[in-house]
Protein backbone atom coordinates (compact mmCIF):
# COMPACT_ATOMS: atom_id res chain seq x y z
CA UNK A 1 24.81 11.39 -7.11
CA UNK A 2 21.55 10.93 -5.31
CA UNK A 3 20.69 11.47 -1.71
CA UNK A 4 21.39 8.79 0.83
CA UNK A 5 18.34 7.47 2.65
CA UNK A 6 18.50 6.00 6.12
CA UNK A 7 17.79 2.35 6.73
CA UNK A 8 14.72 3.41 8.73
CA UNK A 9 13.18 5.02 5.64
CA UNK A 10 14.09 2.12 3.36
CA UNK A 11 12.78 -0.54 5.74
CA UNK A 12 9.47 1.27 6.32
CA UNK A 13 9.01 1.85 2.59
CA UNK A 14 9.76 -1.76 1.65
CA UNK A 15 7.36 -3.08 4.29
CA UNK A 16 4.56 -0.78 3.16
CA UNK A 17 5.06 -1.61 -0.52
CA UNK A 18 5.02 -5.30 0.32
CA UNK A 19 1.85 -4.91 2.39
CA UNK A 20 -0.01 -2.64 -0.05
CA UNK A 21 1.48 -3.29 -3.51
CA UNK A 22 -1.52 -2.13 -5.54
CA UNK A 23 -2.14 1.07 -3.56
CA UNK A 24 1.11 2.86 -4.36
CA UNK A 25 1.78 4.57 -7.69
CA UNK A 26 4.48 6.69 -9.28
CA UNK A 27 2.67 9.82 -8.06
CA UNK A 28 4.38 11.25 -4.96
CA UNK A 29 1.36 13.27 -3.79
CA UNK A 30 -0.97 10.25 -3.97
CA UNK A 31 1.53 8.12 -2.07
CA UNK A 32 1.88 10.82 0.57
CA UNK A 33 -1.88 10.99 1.11
CA UNK A 34 -2.16 7.20 1.26
CA UNK A 35 0.61 7.10 3.87
CA UNK A 36 -1.38 9.50 6.05
CA UNK A 37 -4.29 7.07 6.10
CA UNK A 38 -2.27 3.86 6.54
CA UNK A 39 0.67 4.69 8.79
CA UNK A 40 1.07 6.91 11.80
CA UNK A 41 4.27 8.75 10.95
CA UNK A 42 5.24 11.33 13.53
CA UNK A 43 6.80 13.95 11.26
CA UNK A 44 5.93 15.33 7.85
CA UNK A 45 9.59 15.22 6.81
CA UNK A 46 9.87 11.49 7.52
CA UNK A 47 6.53 10.86 5.78
CA UNK A 48 7.76 12.71 2.70
CA UNK A 49 11.01 10.77 2.62
CA UNK A 50 9.19 7.45 2.88
CA UNK A 51 6.68 8.51 0.21
CA UNK A 52 9.54 9.58 -2.08
CA UNK A 53 11.35 6.30 -1.67
CA UNK A 54 8.13 4.36 -2.27
CA UNK A 55 7.59 6.36 -5.46
CA UNK A 56 11.08 5.43 -6.59
CA UNK A 57 10.59 1.74 -5.75
CA UNK A 58 7.34 1.62 -7.72
CA UNK A 59 8.95 3.34 -10.72
CA UNK A 60 11.84 0.87 -10.68
CA UNK A 61 9.54 -2.14 -10.46
CA UNK A 62 7.38 -0.86 -13.33
CA UNK A 63 10.41 -0.31 -15.55
CA UNK A 64 11.65 -3.83 -14.77
CA UNK A 65 8.23 -5.25 -15.68
CA UNK A 66 8.28 -3.34 -18.96
CA UNK A 67 11.76 -4.63 -19.77
CA UNK A 68 10.71 -8.21 -19.01
CA UNK A 69 7.65 -7.85 -21.24
CA UNK A 70 9.77 -6.44 -24.06
CA UNK A 71 12.23 -9.32 -23.78
CA UNK A 72 9.39 -11.85 -23.84
CA UNK A 73 7.97 -10.21 -26.95
CA UNK A 74 11.38 -10.30 -28.65
CA UNK A 75 11.79 -13.98 -27.85
CA UNK A 76 8.35 -14.77 -29.27
CA UNK A 77 9.08 -12.95 -32.52
CA UNK A 78 12.43 -14.72 -32.87
CA UNK A 79 10.74 -18.08 -32.39
CA UNK A 80 8.12 -17.23 -35.02
CA UNK A 81 10.84 -16.34 -37.55
CA UNK A 82 12.44 -19.78 -37.18
């Protein structure tokens, strides 16, 4: 089982990803540095938790995009066969 994150961390992370979707990557360290420039987070521990959750959100969204692209490719090849 994974760790439980507070709603404060999740809400902040979702808002930041929605505001800056192209700036965040799957690299935790890069996300942490970007958070320092964008948000004024009062503790390093909270910043790290938000950066970690953002990293996870970006990884999930990229995997969903890859799955959607794979499904689209499969549908195109099936149509070509018919």
